[in-house]
Amino acid sequence: MRKSEIRNPKSETNSKSQITNSRQSTAYEGLQENIRKLKTPDIETWKNEYPDKDYTVSLEIPEFTCICPKTGLPDFAVMRVEYGPDMRCIELKSFKLYTVWYRNVGIFHEHVVNKILEDFVKSCSPRWARIEMVFNPRGGITTKVEAECGSYEKNRRSEDQGSR
């Protein structure tokens, strides 16, 4: 067999490796099918005594870790969270414990950011929220994933104009 004829045995035995809708499925298919149903720890909150004020809370977690679902190797990232509190604020120790829970979870970068945003919004119902994660290079590629909900840009512009 010539080098160009070498095939990945995983893709040959996987029926999903057939060409579908003009794209080829990969061995990654099916690894994250139930990610939205993943049961994560609750994030505690406390009552905001200033819900009438427009302000931003910024959090940075420089030591976030999770596991690559394909290789089982650890992924490291810096997580930045910004949100505009409404009636509830995030309790920081609880949020830290929530993020540590991902240390042994196999999850794609794009999924972890969106899952955290969903859980964050569910716990405190902010006016808006934005999560950014910058993952350390893997194979020479740094991954940056951002997700937001609410009127992030609108709120940021109005806060910037209000501070002048």
C-alpha atoms as a PDB file:
ATOM      1  CA  MET A   1       0.000   0.000   0.000  1.00  0.00           C
ATOM      2  CA  ARG A   2       1.403   3.384  -0.970  1.00  0.00           C
ATOM      3  CA  LYS A   3       1.588   6.176   1.588  1.00  0.00           C
ATOM      4  CA  SER A   4      -1.255   8.055  -0.096  1.00  0.00           C
ATOM      5  CA  GLU A   5      -3.469   4.996   0.333  1.00  0.00           C
ATOM      6  CA  ILE A   6      -3.050   4.754   4.118  1.00  0.00           C
ATOM      7  CA  ARG A   7      -6.413   5.131   5.813  1.00  0.00           C
ATOM      8  CA  ASN A   8      -7.487   5.860   9.337  1.00  0.00           C
ATOM      9  CA  PRO A   9      -8.914   2.579  10.647  1.00  0.00           C
ATOM     10  CA  LYS A  10     -11.297   4.440  12.967  1.00  0.00           C
ATOM     11  CA  SER A  11     -12.943   6.212  10.062  1.00  0.00           C
ATOM     12  CA  GLU A  12     -13.275   2.989   8.066  1.00  0.00           C
ATOM     13  CA  THR A  13     -15.167   1.200  10.817  1.00  0.00           C
ATOM     14  CA  ASN A  14     -17.328   4.193  11.703  1.00  0.00           C
ATOM     15  CA  SER A  15     -20.478   4.309   9.553  1.00  0.00           C
ATOM     16  CA  LYS A  16     -20.658   8.060  10.154  1.00  0.00           C
ATOM     17  CA  SER A  17     -17.491   8.530   8.115  1.00  0.00           C
ATOM     18  CA  GLN A  18     -19.472   8.488   4.882  1.00  0.00           C
ATOM     19  CA  ILE A  19     -19.721  11.703   2.917  1.00  0.00           C
ATOM     20  CA  THR A  20     -22.908  13.489   3.964  1.00  0.00           C
ATOM     21  CA  ASN A  21     -24.260  16.782   2.644  1.00  0.00           C
ATOM     22  CA  SER A  22     -21.007  17.472   0.748  1.00  0.00           C
ATOM     23  CA  ARG A  23     -18.866  17.242   3.871  1.00  0.00           C
ATOM     24  CA  GLN A  24     -16.986  14.368   5.410  1.00  0.00           C
ATOM     25  CA  SER A  25     -17.808  13.368   8.956  1.00  0.00           C
ATOM     26  CA  THR A  26     -14.895  12.769  11.274  1.00  0.00           C
ATOM     27  CA  ALA A  27     -14.072  10.633  14.265  1.00  0.00           C
ATOM     28  CA  TYR A  28     -15.225  13.624  16.358  1.00  0.00           C
ATOM     29  CA  GLU A  29     -18.863  13.058  15.407  1.00  0.00           C
ATOM     30  CA  GLY A  30     -20.969  11.980  18.357  1.00  0.00           C
ATOM     31  CA  LEU A  31     -18.457  12.910  21.060  1.00  0.00           C
ATOM     32  CA  GLN A  32     -20.562  15.799  22.365  1.00  0.00           C
ATOM     33  CA  GLU A  33     -24.131  14.759  21.508  1.00  0.00           C
ATOM     34  CA  ASN A  34     -25.434  15.209  25.074  1.00  0.00           C
ATOM     35  CA  ILE A  35     -23.385  18.244  26.048  1.00  0.00           C
ATOM     36  CA  ARG A  36     -26.443  20.476  26.543  1.00  0.00           C
ATOM     37  CA  LYS A  37     -27.814  17.926  29.039  1.00  0.00           C
ATOM     38  CA  LEU A  38     -24.587  17.879  31.053  1.00  0.00           C
ATOM     39  CA  LYS A  39     -25.479  18.229  34.748  1.00  0.00           C
ATOM     40  CA  THR A  40     -23.216  20.889  36.204  1.00  0.00           C
ATOM     41  CA  PRO A  41     -23.003  22.243  39.764  1.00  0.00           C
ATOM     42  CA  ASP A  42     -25.278  25.136  40.688  1.00  0.00           C
ATOM     43  CA  ILE A  43     -23.811  28.640  40.725  1.00  0.00           C
ATOM     44  CA  GLU A  44     -24.927  30.489  43.834  1.00  0.00           C
ATOM     45  CA  THR A  45     -26.007  34.116  43.758  1.00  0.00           C
ATOM     46  CA  TRP A  46     -26.818  36.902  46.186  1.00  0.00           C
ATOM     47  CA  LYS A  47     -29.288  39.806  46.081  1.00  0.00           C
ATOM     48  CA  ASN A  48     -28.041  42.916  44.309  1.00  0.00           C
ATOM     49  CA  GLU A  49     -28.888  46.001  46.375  1.00  0.00           C
ATOM     50  CA  TYR A  50     -28.224  48.256  43.358  1.00  0.00           C
ATOM     51  CA  PRO A  51     -30.368  46.829  40.547  1.00  0.00           C
ATOM     52  CA  ASP A  52     -31.273  50.387  39.500  1.00  0.00           C
ATOM     53  CA  LYS A  53     -27.632  51.091  38.557  1.00  0.00           C
ATOM     54  CA  ASP A  54     -25.933  50.170  35.277  1.00  0.00           C
ATOM     55  CA  TYR A  55     -22.523  48.743  36.091  1.00  0.00           C
ATOM     56  CA  THR A  56     -20.196  45.994  34.919  1.00  0.00           C
ATOM     57  CA  VAL A  57     -18.660  43.162  36.901  1.00  0.00           C
ATOM     58  CA  SER A  58     -15.495  41.670  35.392  1.00  0.00           C
ATOM     59  CA  LEU A  59     -14.068  38.329  36.480  1.00  0.00           C
ATOM     60  CA  GLU A  60     -10.855  36.673  35.316  1.00  0.00           C
ATOM     61  CA  ILE A  61      -9.914  33.074  35.977  1.00  0.00           C
ATOM     62  CA  PRO A  62      -6.347  32.459  34.753  1.00  0.00           C
ATOM     63  CA  GLU A  63      -6.290  28.749  35.585  1.00  0.00           C
ATOM     64  CA  PHE A  64      -9.307  27.169  33.892  1.00  0.00           C
ATOM     65  CA  THR A  65      -8.802  23.558  32.816  1.00  0.00           C
ATOM     66  CA  CYS A  66     -10.839  20.924  31.031  1.00  0.00           C
ATOM     67  CA  ILE A  67     -10.034  17.796  29.022  1.00  0.00           C
ATOM     68  CA  CYS A  68      -9.849  17.359  25.260  1.00  0.00           C
ATOM     69  CA  PRO A  69     -12.628  14.843  24.467  1.00  0.00           C
ATOM     70  CA  LYS A  70     -10.596  13.352  21.629  1.00  0.00           C
ATOM     71  CA  THR A  71      -7.150  12.911  23.162  1.00  0.00           C
ATOM     72  CA  GLY A  72      -7.869  12.958  26.899  1.00  0.00           C
ATOM     73  CA  LEU A  73      -5.133  15.567  27.379  1.00  0.00           C
ATOM     74  CA  PRO A  74      -5.705  18.654  29.546  1.00  0.00           C
ATOM     75  CA  ASP A  75      -6.608  22.015  27.999  1.00  0.00           C
ATOM     76  CA  PHE A  76      -5.676  25.217  29.842  1.00  0.00           C
ATOM     77  CA  ALA A  77      -7.344  28.598  29.383  1.00  0.00           C
ATOM     78  CA  VAL A  78      -7.787  32.087  30.738  1.00  0.00           C
ATOM     79  CA  MET A  79     -11.482  32.845  31.218  1.00  0.00           C
ATOM     80  CA  ARG A  80     -12.841  36.376  31.255  1.00  0.00           C
ATOM     81  CA  VAL A  81     -16.442  37.062  32.264  1.00  0.00           C
ATOM     82  CA  GLU A  82     -18.186  40.414  32.093  1.00  0.00           C
ATOM     83  CA  TYR A  83     -21.806  40.968  33.013  1.00  0.00           C
ATOM     84  CA  GLY A  84     -24.310  43.641  33.893  1.00  0.00           C
ATOM     85  CA  PRO A  85     -26.059  42.548  37.092  1.00  0.00           C
ATOM     86  CA  ASP A  86     -29.790  42.880  37.484  1.00  0.00           C
ATOM     87  CA  MET A  87     -31.479  41.477  40.628  1.00  0.00           C
ATOM     88  CA  ARG A  88     -28.793  38.855  41.464  1.00  0.00           C
ATOM     89  CA  CYS A  89     -24.969  38.783  41.499  1.00  0.00           C
ATOM     90  CA  ILE A  90     -22.692  35.759  41.196  1.00  0.00           C
ATOM     91  CA  GLU A  91     -21.161  34.441  44.413  1.00  0.00           C
ATOM     92  CA  LEU A  92     -17.462  34.167  43.553  1.00  0.00           C
ATOM     93  CA  LYS A  93     -16.457  31.097  45.574  1.00  0.00           C
ATOM     94  CA  SER A  94     -19.382  29.183  44.109  1.00  0.00           C
ATOM     95  CA  PHE A  95     -18.397  30.250  40.593  1.00  0.00           C
ATOM     96  CA  LYS A  96     -14.789  29.194  41.209  1.00  0.00           C
ATOM     97  CA  LEU A  97     -15.944  25.748  42.393  1.00  0.00           C
ATOM     98  CA  TYR A  98     -18.209  25.540  39.347  1.00  0.00           C
ATOM     99  CA  THR A  99     -15.261  26.177  37.005  1.00  0.00           C
ATOM    100  CA  VAL A 100     -13.039  23.667  38.821  1.00  0.00           C
ATOM    101  CA  TRP A 101     -15.711  21.018  38.161  1.00  0.00           C
ATOM    102  CA  TYR A 102     -14.705  21.070  34.452  1.00  0.00           C
ATOM    103  CA  ARG A 103     -11.185  19.884  35.313  1.00  0.00           C
ATOM    104  CA  ASN A 104     -12.076  16.263  34.508  1.00  0.00           C
ATOM    105  CA  VAL A 105     -14.694  16.875  31.815  1.00  0.00           C
ATOM    106  CA  GLY A 106     -14.000  16.079  28.171  1.00  0.00           C
ATOM    107  CA  ILE A 107     -15.492  19.011  26.251  1.00  0.00           C
ATOM    108  CA  PHE A 108     -14.705  20.990  23.116  1.00  0.00           C
ATOM    109  CA  HIS A 109     -13.619  24.617  23.569  1.00  0.00           C
ATOM    110  CA  GLU A 110     -16.656  25.984  21.759  1.00  0.00           C
ATOM    111  CA  HIS A 111     -19.006  23.894  23.858  1.00  0.00           C
ATOM    112  CA  VAL A 112     -17.496  24.759  27.220  1.00  0.00           C
ATOM    113  CA  VAL A 113     -17.819  28.503  26.614  1.00  0.00           C
ATOM    114  CA  ASN A 114     -21.454  28.200  25.547  1.00  0.00           C
ATOM    115  CA  LYS A 115     -22.311  25.790  28.380  1.00  0.00           C
ATOM    116  CA  ILE A 116     -20.788  28.120  30.975  1.00  0.00           C
ATOM    117  CA  LEU A 117     -22.659  31.086  29.492  1.00  0.00           C
ATOM    118  CA  GLU A 118     -25.957  29.156  29.635  1.00  0.00           C
ATOM    119  CA  ASP A 119     -25.406  28.167  33.271  1.00  0.00           C
ATOM    120  CA  PHE A 120     -24.226  31.675  34.207  1.00  0.00           C
ATOM    121  CA  VAL A 121     -27.286  33.339  32.689  1.00  0.00           C
ATOM    122  CA  LYS A 122     -29.611  30.734  34.208  1.00  0.00           C
ATOM    123  CA  SER A 123     -28.200  31.397  37.685  1.00  0.00           C
ATOM    124  CA  CYS A 124     -28.286  35.213  37.854  1.00  0.00           C
ATOM    125  CA  SER A 125     -30.361  36.468  34.872  1.00  0.00           C
ATOM    126  CA  PRO A 126     -28.037  39.396  34.093  1.00  0.00           C
ATOM    127  CA  ARG A 127     -28.977  42.281  31.806  1.00  0.00           C
ATOM    128  CA  TRP A 128     -26.197  41.050  29.537  1.00  0.00           C
ATOM    129  CA  ALA A 129     -23.188  38.747  29.817  1.00  0.00           C
ATOM    130  CA  ARG A 130     -20.074  37.926  27.830  1.00  0.00           C
ATOM    131  CA  ILE A 131     -17.602  35.087  28.300  1.00  0.00           C
ATOM    132  CA  GLU A 132     -14.250  34.854  26.556  1.00  0.00           C
ATOM    133  CA  MET A 133     -11.809  31.975  26.896  1.00  0.00           C
ATOM    134  CA  VAL A 134      -8.316  31.916  25.428  1.00  0.00           C
ATOM    135  CA  PHE A 135      -6.921  28.386  25.370  1.00  0.00           C
ATOM    136  CA  ASN A 136      -3.203  27.692  25.409  1.00  0.00           C
ATOM    137  CA  PRO A 137      -1.745  26.651  22.065  1.00  0.00           C
ATOM    138  CA  ARG A 138      -2.381  23.098  20.950  1.00  0.00           C
ATOM    139  CA  GLY A 139      -0.382  22.025  17.908  1.00  0.00           C
ATOM    140  CA  GLY A 140       0.720  25.630  17.458  1.00  0.00           C
ATOM    141  CA  ILE A 141      -2.861  26.981  17.429  1.00  0.00           C
ATOM    142  CA  THR A 142      -4.285  29.249  20.120  1.00  0.00           C
ATOM    143  CA  THR A 143      -8.081  29.078  20.372  1.00  0.00           C
ATOM    144  CA  LYS A 144     -10.165  32.055  21.481  1.00  0.00           C
ATOM    145  CA  VAL A 145     -13.904  31.545  21.922  1.00  0.00           C
ATOM    146  CA  GLU A 146     -16.338  34.324  22.829  1.00  0.00           C
ATOM    147  CA  ALA A 147     -20.063  34.055  23.568  1.00  0.00           C
ATOM    148  CA  GLU A 148     -22.526  36.655  24.752  1.00  0.00           C
ATOM    149  CA  CYS A 149     -26.180  37.173  25.518  1.00  0.00           C
ATOM    150  CA  GLY A 150     -28.307  40.246  25.940  1.00  0.00           C
ATOM    151  CA  SER A 151     -27.251  43.609  24.620  1.00  0.00           C
ATOM    152  CA  TYR A 152     -23.545  43.422  25.456  1.00  0.00           C
ATOM    153  CA  GLU A 153     -22.342  45.959  22.876  1.00  0.00           C
ATOM    154  CA  LYS A 154     -25.235  48.359  23.518  1.00  0.00           C
ATOM    155  CA  ASN A 155     -24.648  48.267  27.281  1.00  0.00           C
ATOM    156  CA  ARG A 156     -20.889  48.685  26.941  1.00  0.00           C
ATOM    157  CA  ARG A 157     -21.322  51.734  24.671  1.00  0.00           C
ATOM    158  CA  SER A 158     -23.834  53.380  27.012  1.00  0.00           C
ATOM    159  CA  GLU A 159     -21.561  52.762  30.024  1.00  0.00           C
ATOM    160  CA  ASP A 160     -18.572  54.219  28.167  1.00  0.00           C
ATOM    161  CA  GLN A 161     -20.567  57.333  27.204  1.00  0.00           C
ATOM    162  CA  GLY A 162     -21.950  57.667  30.721  1.00  0.00           C
ATOM    163  CA  SER A 163     -18.462  57.739  32.257  1.00  0.00           C
ATOM    164  CA  ARG A 164     -17.412  60.789  30.229  1.00  0.00           C
END
